Amino acid sequence: MIWEVFRQGSEDADFVYCRDVHAPDREMAKQFAVIQHGRRKPTNALWVVPQEKITTVSPGEDPGESNSDESESTWAVFRQDKVGGYHTHCGNVAAADVVEAQQTALDEYAVNDPNNFWVVKEQYIGEITADDVSFGGTTDKSYRFAQTYNVDPAAEEVKASESEQVEAERKRKRGEA
């Protein structure tokens, strides 16, 4: 199953689409998302969403008729940054079904915007926060130099990498990461 991943760089930033992970269930998708998308860049939280639960709608497109008897749910709306670009969370809408969610997203967010939108029911979003895992830091690069012949430049970079690791750990302990 494919899970789309959205990353939030800081507490006040929007969630931005950062690619996908392949996983059999939500818990594995969360773990893979942390490993692939939460370790190098500053990360406050990640969202994972089953790809099949995301619906695309474009301005000028008629989503159709809404005929749901369901109660209203909250739907997350993601706006495409540019044609072919990534999607960024731009807000939420309340709707009884996907058609109503699409139409409401277009009405509220598609003012003079030619790019498409994704809508997904909030209940399908799996969130990982800094309370759940330690994000960030830098990758330990010392493994790269195990077979090098010229050890001086490698030793300098290993030393720099170790310093980065120490600083990243210090920031995590202070809650800055």
N, C-alpha and C. Protein backbone atom coordinates (compact mmCIF):
# COMPACT_ATOMS: atom_id res chain seq x y z
N MET A 1 0.84 -1.17 0.00
CA MET A 1 0.00 0.00 0.00
C MET A 1 0.89 1.25 0.00
N ILE A 2 0.48 2.25 -0.72
CA ILE A 2 1.25 3.49 -0.80
C ILE A 2 0.63 4.52 0.14
N TRP A 3 1.50 5.16 0.92
CA TRP A 3 1.11 6.20 1.87
C TRP A 3 1.81 7.49 1.48
N GLU A 4 1.06 8.57 1.31
CA GLU A 4 1.64 9.88 1.01
C GLU A 4 2.07 10.52 2.33
N VAL A 5 3.22 11.20 2.31
CA VAL A 5 3.80 11.76 3.53
C VAL A 5 3.86 13.28 3.41
N PHE A 6 3.45 13.96 4.47
CA PHE A 6 3.50 15.41 4.56
C PHE A 6 4.35 15.77 5.77
N ARG A 7 5.25 16.74 5.61
CA ARG A 7 6.18 17.13 6.67
C ARG A 7 5.91 18.56 7.12
N GLN A 8 5.93 18.78 8.42
CA GLN A 8 5.81 20.12 9.00
C GLN A 8 7.17 20.48 9.58
N GLY A 9 7.79 21.52 9.04
CA GLY A 9 9.13 21.91 9.46
C GLY A 9 9.21 22.50 10.85
N SER A 10 8.22 23.28 11.24
CA SER A 10 8.20 23.88 12.57
C SER A 10 6.75 23.92 13.03
N GLU A 11 6.57 24.23 14.29
CA GLU A 11 5.23 24.19 14.88
C GLU A 11 4.23 25.11 14.18
N ASP A 12 4.70 26.25 13.66
CA ASP A 12 3.80 27.20 13.01
C ASP A 12 3.76 27.05 11.48
N ALA A 13 4.44 26.06 10.93
CA ALA A 13 4.49 25.88 9.48
C ALA A 13 3.36 24.96 9.00
N ASP A 14 3.05 25.08 7.71
CA ASP A 14 2.06 24.20 7.10
C ASP A 14 2.69 22.83 6.82
N PHE A 15 1.85 21.81 6.67
CA PHE A 15 2.31 20.50 6.25
C PHE A 15 2.49 20.52 4.74
N VAL A 16 3.66 20.07 4.26
CA VAL A 16 3.98 20.08 2.84
C VAL A 16 4.25 18.64 2.40
N TYR A 17 3.69 18.28 1.27
CA TYR A 17 3.88 16.94 0.72
C TYR A 17 5.36 16.72 0.43
N CYS A 18 5.89 15.56 0.83
CA CYS A 18 7.31 15.31 0.61
C CYS A 18 7.58 13.95 -0.05
N ARG A 19 6.66 13.28 -0.58
CA ARG A 19 6.75 12.02 -1.31
C ARG A 19 5.96 10.93 -0.57
N ASP A 20 6.24 9.67 -0.92
CA ASP A 20 5.46 8.58 -0.35
C ASP A 20 6.35 7.50 0.26
N VAL A 21 5.71 6.59 0.95
CA VAL A 21 6.36 5.39 1.46
C VAL A 21 5.45 4.21 1.14
N HIS A 22 6.03 3.04 1.02
CA HIS A 22 5.27 1.82 0.81
C HIS A 22 5.26 1.05 2.12
N ALA A 23 4.07 0.73 2.61
CA ALA A 23 3.96 0.03 3.89
C ALA A 23 2.65 -0.74 3.93
N PRO A 24 2.62 -1.84 4.68
CA PRO A 24 1.40 -2.65 4.75
C PRO A 24 0.30 -2.05 5.64
N ASP A 25 0.68 -1.19 6.60
CA ASP A 25 -0.32 -0.61 7.49
C ASP A 25 0.14 0.76 7.98
N ARG A 26 -0.74 1.44 8.72
CA ARG A 26 -0.47 2.80 9.17
C ARG A 26 0.76 2.88 10.09
N GLU A 27 0.91 1.95 11.01
CA GLU A 27 2.04 2.00 11.94
C GLU A 27 3.38 1.85 11.22
N MET A 28 3.45 0.94 10.26
CA MET A 28 4.69 0.79 9.49
C MET A 28 4.92 2.02 8.63
N ALA A 29 3.85 2.59 8.07
CA ALA A 29 3.98 3.81 7.26
C ALA A 29 4.56 4.94 8.10
N LYS A 30 4.12 5.05 9.34
CA LYS A 30 4.65 6.09 10.23
C LYS A 30 6.14 5.88 10.48
N GLN A 31 6.53 4.63 10.74
CA GLN A 31 7.94 4.34 10.99
C GLN A 31 8.79 4.64 9.76
N PHE A 32 8.32 4.21 8.59
CA PHE A 32 9.07 4.47 7.36
C PHE A 32 9.14 5.96 7.07
N ALA A 33 8.07 6.69 7.34
CA ALA A 33 8.05 8.14 7.10
C ALA A 33 9.09 8.84 7.96
N VAL A 34 9.21 8.42 9.22
CA VAL A 34 10.21 9.02 10.11
C VAL A 34 11.61 8.75 9.56
N ILE A 35 11.86 7.52 9.15
CA ILE A 35 13.18 7.15 8.64
C ILE A 35 13.51 7.90 7.35
N GLN A 36 12.55 7.96 6.43
CA GLN A 36 12.83 8.54 5.12
C GLN A 36 12.66 10.05 5.05
N HIS A 37 11.75 10.61 5.82
CA HIS A 37 11.42 12.03 5.64
C HIS A 37 11.58 12.89 6.88
N GLY A 38 11.89 12.29 8.03
CA GLY A 38 11.96 13.08 9.25
C GLY A 38 13.34 13.15 9.87
N ARG A 39 14.35 12.66 9.17
CA ARG A 39 15.65 12.61 9.85
C ARG A 39 16.64 13.67 9.40
N ARG A 40 16.48 14.24 8.22
CA ARG A 40 17.51 15.17 7.73
C ARG A 40 17.12 16.62 7.86
N LYS A 41 15.89 16.93 7.53
CA LYS A 41 15.45 18.33 7.61
C LYS A 41 14.79 18.57 8.96
N PRO A 42 14.76 19.82 9.41
CA PRO A 42 14.05 20.11 10.65
C PRO A 42 12.60 19.66 10.52
N THR A 43 12.12 18.91 11.48
CA THR A 43 10.78 18.34 11.40
C THR A 43 10.08 18.48 12.74
N ASN A 44 8.87 19.01 12.72
CA ASN A 44 8.05 19.09 13.92
C ASN A 44 7.06 17.93 13.96
N ALA A 45 6.51 17.57 12.79
CA ALA A 45 5.53 16.48 12.73
C ALA A 45 5.44 15.96 11.29
N LEU A 46 4.93 14.75 11.16
CA LEU A 46 4.68 14.15 9.86
C LEU A 46 3.24 13.64 9.83
N TRP A 47 2.63 13.70 8.65
CA TRP A 47 1.34 13.07 8.43
C TRP A 47 1.53 11.99 7.39
N VAL A 48 0.90 10.83 7.58
CA VAL A 48 0.85 9.80 6.56
C VAL A 48 -0.61 9.55 6.21
N VAL A 49 -0.88 9.44 4.90
CA VAL A 49 -2.25 9.29 4.42
C VAL A 49 -2.27 8.21 3.34
N PRO A 50 -3.20 7.25 3.42
CA PRO A 50 -3.30 6.26 2.34
C PRO A 50 -3.58 6.96 1.01
N GLN A 51 -2.79 6.65 0.00
CA GLN A 51 -2.93 7.31 -1.29
C GLN A 51 -4.34 7.18 -1.85
N GLU A 52 -4.96 6.04 -1.65
CA GLU A 52 -6.30 5.81 -2.19
C GLU A 52 -7.38 6.65 -1.53
N LYS A 53 -7.08 7.26 -0.39
CA LYS A 53 -8.06 8.09 0.32
C LYS A 53 -7.97 9.56 -0.07
N ILE A 54 -6.98 9.90 -0.89
CA ILE A 54 -6.83 11.29 -1.35
C ILE A 54 -7.58 11.46 -2.66
N THR A 55 -8.37 12.51 -2.73
CA THR A 55 -9.13 12.80 -3.93
C THR A 55 -8.66 14.14 -4.50
N THR A 56 -8.49 14.18 -5.80
CA THR A 56 -8.04 15.40 -6.47
C THR A 56 -9.23 16.13 -7.08
N VAL A 57 -9.21 17.44 -6.99
CA VAL A 57 -10.21 18.27 -7.64
C VAL A 57 -9.51 19.51 -8.19
N SER A 58 -9.93 19.94 -9.37
CA SER A 58 -9.33 21.11 -10.01
C SER A 58 -10.35 22.21 -10.17
N PRO A 59 -9.89 23.47 -10.09
CA PRO A 59 -10.81 24.59 -10.34
C PRO A 59 -11.42 24.45 -11.74
N GLY A 60 -12.70 24.76 -11.83
CA GLY A 60 -13.41 24.62 -13.10
C GLY A 60 -14.01 23.24 -13.29
N GLU A 61 -13.66 22.32 -12.42
CA GLU A 61 -14.18 20.95 -12.49
C GLU A 61 -15.43 20.87 -11.64
N ASP A 62 -16.44 20.16 -12.12
CA ASP A 62 -17.67 19.97 -11.36
C ASP A 62 -17.57 18.65 -10.61
N PRO A 63 -17.48 18.68 -9.29
CA PRO A 63 -17.34 17.45 -8.53
C PRO A 63 -18.54 16.52 -8.62
N GLY A 64 -19.70 17.04 -9.02
CA GLY A 64 -20.91 16.22 -9.12
C GLY A 64 -21.90 16.56 -8.04
N GLU A 65 -22.85 15.67 -7.86
CA GLU A 65 -23.91 15.88 -6.88
C GLU A 65 -23.59 15.18 -5.57
N SER A 66 -23.80 15.89 -4.49
CA SER A 66 -23.62 15.31 -3.17
C SER A 66 -24.96 14.76 -2.72
N ASN A 67 -24.97 13.49 -2.34
CA ASN A 67 -26.22 12.89 -1.88
C ASN A 67 -25.97 11.98 -0.68
N SER A 68 -25.24 12.49 0.26
CA SER A 68 -24.86 11.69 1.41
C SER A 68 -25.79 11.90 2.58
N ASP A 69 -26.01 10.82 3.31
CA ASP A 69 -26.78 10.90 4.56
C ASP A 69 -25.85 10.89 5.77
N GLU A 70 -24.54 10.93 5.51
CA GLU A 70 -23.57 10.90 6.60
C GLU A 70 -23.56 12.23 7.35
N SER A 71 -23.07 12.18 8.57
CA SER A 71 -22.89 13.43 9.31
C SER A 71 -21.62 14.11 8.80
N GLU A 72 -21.48 15.39 9.09
CA GLU A 72 -20.33 16.13 8.60
C GLU A 72 -19.05 15.65 9.26
N SER A 73 -18.01 15.62 8.47
CA SER A 73 -16.67 15.27 8.94
C SER A 73 -15.73 16.39 8.55
N THR A 74 -14.56 16.39 9.15
CA THR A 74 -13.54 17.36 8.78
C THR A 74 -12.66 16.76 7.70
N TRP A 75 -12.38 17.56 6.67
CA TRP A 75 -11.56 17.15 5.54
C TRP A 75 -10.37 18.11 5.43
N ALA A 76 -9.18 17.56 5.33
CA ALA A 76 -7.98 18.38 5.14
C ALA A 76 -7.88 18.73 3.65
N VAL A 77 -7.50 19.97 3.37
CA VAL A 77 -7.37 20.45 1.99
C VAL A 77 -5.90 20.82 1.74
N PHE A 78 -5.36 20.34 0.62
CA PHE A 78 -3.99 20.62 0.23
C PHE A 78 -4.00 21.31 -1.13
N ARG A 79 -3.34 22.46 -1.23
CA ARG A 79 -3.27 23.23 -2.47
C ARG A 79 -1.94 22.92 -3.15
N GLN A 80 -2.02 22.68 -4.46
CA GLN A 80 -0.79 22.46 -5.23
C GLN A 80 -0.08 23.79 -5.40
N ASP A 81 1.24 23.81 -5.10
CA ASP A 81 2.01 25.05 -5.14
C ASP A 81 2.12 25.64 -6.54
N LYS A 82 2.30 24.79 -7.53
CA LYS A 82 2.38 25.21 -8.93
C LYS A 82 2.06 23.99 -9.77
N VAL A 83 1.86 24.16 -11.05
CA VAL A 83 1.57 23.02 -11.91
C VAL A 83 2.73 22.03 -11.81
N GLY A 84 2.42 20.82 -11.42
CA GLY A 84 3.45 19.82 -11.24
C GLY A 84 4.18 19.92 -9.92
N GLY A 85 3.77 20.86 -9.05
CA GLY A 85 4.47 21.07 -7.78
C GLY A 85 3.87 20.25 -6.65
N TYR A 86 4.41 20.50 -5.47
CA TYR A 86 3.96 19.78 -4.28
C TYR A 86 2.71 20.41 -3.70
N HIS A 87 2.00 19.65 -2.90
CA HIS A 87 0.78 20.12 -2.25
C HIS A 87 1.09 20.53 -0.81
N THR A 88 0.50 21.65 -0.39
CA THR A 88 0.67 22.18 0.96
C THR A 88 -0.69 22.27 1.63
N HIS A 89 -0.75 21.88 2.90
CA HIS A 89 -2.01 21.97 3.65
C HIS A 89 -2.42 23.43 3.75
N CYS A 90 -3.61 23.74 3.29
CA CYS A 90 -4.06 25.14 3.32
C CYS A 90 -5.25 25.34 4.24
N GLY A 91 -5.80 24.27 4.78
CA GLY A 91 -6.91 24.41 5.71
C GLY A 91 -7.78 23.17 5.74
N ASN A 92 -8.89 23.30 6.45
CA ASN A 92 -9.84 22.20 6.58
C ASN A 92 -11.23 22.68 6.19
N VAL A 93 -12.05 21.75 5.76
CA VAL A 93 -13.45 22.05 5.47
C VAL A 93 -14.32 20.99 6.14
N ALA A 94 -15.57 21.35 6.42
CA ALA A 94 -16.53 20.40 6.97
C ALA A 94 -17.45 19.98 5.83
N ALA A 95 -17.62 18.66 5.68
CA ALA A 95 -18.47 18.16 4.61
C ALA A 95 -18.96 16.76 4.96
N ALA A 96 -20.09 16.38 4.37
CA ALA A 96 -20.68 15.06 4.64
C ALA A 96 -20.06 13.97 3.78
N ASP A 97 -19.56 14.32 2.60
CA ASP A 97 -18.96 13.31 1.72
C ASP A 97 -17.88 13.96 0.86
N VAL A 98 -17.22 13.15 0.05
CA VAL A 98 -16.10 13.64 -0.74
C VAL A 98 -16.52 14.69 -1.77
N VAL A 99 -17.69 14.53 -2.35
CA VAL A 99 -18.16 15.50 -3.36
C VAL A 99 -18.37 16.86 -2.71
N GLU A 100 -19.02 16.87 -1.56
CA GLU A 100 -19.24 18.13 -0.85
C GLU A 100 -17.90 18.72 -0.39
N ALA A 101 -16.97 17.87 0.04
CA ALA A 101 -15.65 18.34 0.46
C ALA A 101 -14.91 18.98 -0.73
N GLN A 102 -14.98 18.36 -1.88
CA GLN A 102 -14.34 18.92 -3.07
C GLN A 102 -14.93 20.28 -3.41
N GLN A 103 -16.25 20.37 -3.42
CA GLN A 103 -16.90 21.63 -3.79
C GLN A 103 -16.59 22.72 -2.77
N THR A 104 -16.62 22.38 -1.50
CA THR A 104 -16.32 23.36 -0.45
C THR A 104 -14.87 23.83 -0.55
N ALA A 105 -13.95 22.88 -0.82
CA ALA A 105 -12.53 23.25 -0.99
C ALA A 105 -12.37 24.22 -2.15
N LEU A 106 -13.05 23.95 -3.27
CA LEU A 106 -12.97 24.86 -4.42
C LEU A 106 -13.55 26.22 -4.07
N ASP A 107 -14.68 26.24 -3.39
CA ASP A 107 -15.33 27.50 -3.03
C ASP A 107 -14.46 28.34 -2.09
N GLU A 108 -13.80 27.68 -1.13
CA GLU A 108 -13.04 28.41 -0.12
C GLU A 108 -11.60 28.72 -0.51
N TYR A 109 -10.98 27.86 -1.32
CA TYR A 109 -9.54 28.00 -1.54
C TYR A 109 -9.12 28.22 -3.00
N ALA A 110 -10.01 28.06 -3.93
CA ALA A 110 -9.60 28.12 -5.34
C ALA A 110 -9.81 29.47 -5.99
N VAL A 111 -9.83 30.54 -5.24
CA VAL A 111 -10.01 31.87 -5.79
C VAL A 111 -8.78 32.22 -6.63
N ASN A 112 -8.96 32.37 -7.92
CA ASN A 112 -7.87 32.69 -8.87
C ASN A 112 -6.70 31.72 -8.77
N ASP A 113 -6.96 30.47 -8.51
CA ASP A 113 -5.91 29.47 -8.39
C ASP A 113 -6.15 28.38 -9.43
N PRO A 114 -5.29 28.27 -10.44
CA PRO A 114 -5.51 27.29 -11.51
C PRO A 114 -5.04 25.88 -11.14
N ASN A 115 -4.33 25.73 -10.03
CA ASN A 115 -3.76 24.43 -9.67
C ASN A 115 -4.79 23.56 -8.95
N ASN A 116 -4.51 22.27 -8.91
CA ASN A 116 -5.49 21.38 -8.30
C ASN A 116 -5.32 21.28 -6.78
N PHE A 117 -6.28 20.63 -6.16
CA PHE A 117 -6.34 20.46 -4.72
C PHE A 117 -6.51 18.98 -4.40
N TRP A 118 -6.02 18.61 -3.24
CA TRP A 118 -6.29 17.28 -2.70
C TRP A 118 -7.18 17.46 -1.49
N VAL A 119 -8.15 16.58 -1.33
CA VAL A 119 -8.96 16.55 -0.11
C VAL A 119 -8.89 15.14 0.47
N VAL A 120 -8.80 15.08 1.78
CA VAL A 120 -8.76 13.77 2.45
C VAL A 120 -9.45 13.91 3.80
N LYS A 121 -10.26 12.92 4.12
CA LYS A 121 -10.95 12.92 5.39
C LYS A 121 -9.92 12.84 6.52
N GLU A 122 -10.06 13.72 7.49
CA GLU A 122 -9.06 13.85 8.55
C GLU A 122 -8.82 12.54 9.32
N GLN A 123 -9.83 11.70 9.40
CA GLN A 123 -9.68 10.44 10.15
C GLN A 123 -8.65 9.50 9.52
N TYR A 124 -8.32 9.72 8.24
CA TYR A 124 -7.35 8.86 7.57
C TYR A 124 -5.91 9.33 7.75
N ILE A 125 -5.72 10.49 8.36
CA ILE A 125 -4.38 11.03 8.55
C ILE A 125 -3.77 10.44 9.82
N GLY A 126 -2.60 9.83 9.66
CA GLY A 126 -1.85 9.34 10.81
C GLY A 126 -0.76 10.35 11.11
N GLU A 127 -0.69 10.84 12.33
CA GLU A 127 0.26 11.89 12.68
C GLU A 127 1.37 11.35 13.57
N ILE A 128 2.58 11.79 13.30
CA ILE A 128 3.74 11.50 14.14
C ILE A 128 4.28 12.85 14.57
N THR A 129 4.44 13.06 15.87
CA THR A 129 4.93 14.34 16.36
C THR A 129 6.27 14.15 17.08
N ALA A 130 6.87 15.26 17.44
CA ALA A 130 8.13 15.22 18.17
C ALA A 130 7.95 14.56 19.54
N ASP A 131 6.73 14.46 20.04
CA ASP A 131 6.48 13.75 21.28
C ASP A 131 6.61 12.24 21.09
N ASP A 132 6.40 11.78 19.85
CA ASP A 132 6.45 10.35 19.55
C ASP A 132 7.86 9.86 19.25
N VAL A 133 8.64 10.67 18.53
CA VAL A 133 9.99 10.27 18.10
C VAL A 133 10.92 11.48 18.15
N SER A 134 12.22 11.21 18.04
CA SER A 134 13.20 12.29 17.92
C SER A 134 13.48 12.50 16.45
N PHE A 135 13.07 13.65 15.94
CA PHE A 135 13.33 14.01 14.56
C PHE A 135 14.66 14.72 14.47
N GLY A 136 15.16 14.80 13.26
CA GLY A 136 16.26 15.70 12.97
C GLY A 136 17.62 15.19 13.33
N GLY A 137 18.51 16.12 13.45
CA GLY A 137 19.91 15.78 13.61
C GLY A 137 20.52 15.66 12.22
N THR A 138 21.68 15.16 12.18
CA THR A 138 22.32 14.94 10.90
C THR A 138 22.73 13.48 10.82
N THR A 139 22.95 13.03 9.64
CA THR A 139 23.32 11.64 9.43
C THR A 139 24.80 11.45 9.74
N ASP A 140 25.12 10.42 10.50
CA ASP A 140 26.51 10.08 10.80
C ASP A 140 27.17 9.63 9.51
N LYS A 141 28.20 10.35 9.07
CA LYS A 141 28.83 10.08 7.77
C LYS A 141 30.09 9.23 7.90
N SER A 142 30.46 8.81 9.07
CA SER A 142 31.72 8.09 9.24
C SER A 142 31.75 6.78 8.48
N TYR A 143 30.60 6.15 8.26
CA TYR A 143 30.58 4.88 7.53
C TYR A 143 31.11 5.02 6.10
N ARG A 144 31.02 6.21 5.52
CA ARG A 144 31.47 6.43 4.15
C ARG A 144 32.96 6.21 3.96
N PHE A 145 33.72 6.37 5.01
CA PHE A 145 35.17 6.40 4.87
C PHE A 145 35.86 5.12 5.31
N ALA A 146 35.12 4.06 5.46
CA ALA A 146 35.71 2.82 5.94
C ALA A 146 36.74 2.25 4.97
N GLN A 147 36.62 2.54 3.68
CA GLN A 147 37.53 1.97 2.70
C GLN A 147 38.37 3.02 1.98
N THR A 148 38.50 4.17 2.54
CA THR A 148 39.26 5.23 1.89
C THR A 148 40.76 5.03 2.08
N TYR A 149 41.54 5.48 1.10
CA TYR A 149 43.00 5.35 1.18
C TYR A 149 43.63 6.62 1.76
N ASN A 150 43.05 7.76 1.44
CA ASN A 150 43.57 9.02 1.94
C ASN A 150 42.77 9.38 3.19
N VAL A 151 43.33 9.10 4.34
CA VAL A 151 42.56 9.21 5.57
C VAL A 151 42.47 10.62 6.13
N ASP A 152 43.35 11.53 5.74
CA ASP A 152 43.33 12.88 6.32
C ASP A 152 42.04 13.63 6.03
N PRO A 153 41.60 13.76 4.74
CA PRO A 153 40.34 14.46 4.50
C PRO A 153 39.15 13.73 5.15
N ALA A 154 39.22 12.40 5.12
CA ALA A 154 38.14 11.62 5.72
C ALA A 154 38.07 11.88 7.22
N ALA A 155 39.21 11.92 7.88
CA ALA A 155 39.23 12.15 9.32
C ALA A 155 38.63 13.51 9.67
N GLU A 156 38.91 14.52 8.85
CA GLU A 156 38.36 15.85 9.09
C GLU A 156 36.83 15.83 8.97
N GLU A 157 36.34 15.14 7.95
CA GLU A 157 34.89 15.10 7.77
C GLU A 157 34.21 14.27 8.86
N VAL A 158 34.84 13.19 9.27
CA VAL A 158 34.30 12.39 10.37
C VAL A 158 34.24 13.23 11.64
N LYS A 159 35.29 13.99 11.92
CA LYS A 159 35.32 14.85 13.10
C LYS A 159 34.19 15.89 13.03
N ALA A 160 33.99 16.48 11.84
CA ALA A 160 32.91 17.46 11.66
C ALA A 160 31.55 16.79 11.85
N SER A 161 31.42 15.58 11.33
CA SER A 161 30.15 14.84 11.47
C SER A 161 29.87 14.55 12.94
N GLU A 162 30.90 14.15 13.68
CA GLU A 162 30.72 13.88 15.10
C GLU A 162 30.29 15.15 15.84
N SER A 163 30.87 16.28 15.49
CA SER A 163 30.47 17.55 16.10
C SER A 163 29.01 17.86 15.80
N GLU A 164 28.60 17.62 14.56
CA GLU A 164 27.21 17.83 14.18
C GLU A 164 26.28 16.94 14.99
N GLN A 165 26.68 15.69 15.20
CA GLN A 165 25.87 14.76 15.98
C GLN A 165 25.71 15.23 17.42
N VAL A 166 26.81 15.69 18.02
CA VAL A 166 26.78 16.18 19.40
C VAL A 166 25.86 17.40 19.49
N GLU A 167 25.98 18.33 18.56
CA GLU A 167 25.15 19.54 18.56
C GLU A 167 23.68 19.19 18.35
N ALA A 168 23.39 18.26 17.43
CA ALA A 168 22.00 17.85 17.18
C ALA A 168 21.40 17.21 18.43
N GLU A 169 22.16 16.38 19.12
CA GLU A 169 21.68 15.75 20.35
C GLU A 169 21.43 16.79 21.43
N ARG A 170 22.30 17.79 21.54
CA ARG A 170 22.13 18.87 22.51
C ARG A 170 20.84 19.64 22.22
N LYS A 171 20.59 19.93 20.94
CA LYS A 171 19.37 20.65 20.57
C LYS A 171 18.13 19.83 20.87
N ARG A 172 18.18 18.51 20.59
CA ARG A 172 17.03 17.65 20.88
C ARG A 172 16.72 17.67 22.37
N LYS A 173 17.74 17.61 23.20
CA LYS A 173 17.53 17.60 24.64
C LYS A 173 16.92 18.91 25.13
N ARG A 174 17.27 20.02 24.46
CA ARG A 174 16.72 21.33 24.83
C ARG A 174 15.37 21.58 24.18
N GLY A 175 14.96 20.67 23.26
CA GLY A 175 13.69 20.84 22.58
C GLY A 175 13.71 21.81 21.43
N GLU A 176 14.89 22.06 20.87
CA GLU A 176 15.01 23.01 19.76
C GLU A 176 14.84 22.36 18.41
N ALA A 177 14.99 21.07 18.30
CA ALA A 177 14.99 20.40 17.01
C ALA A 177 13.61 20.30 16.43
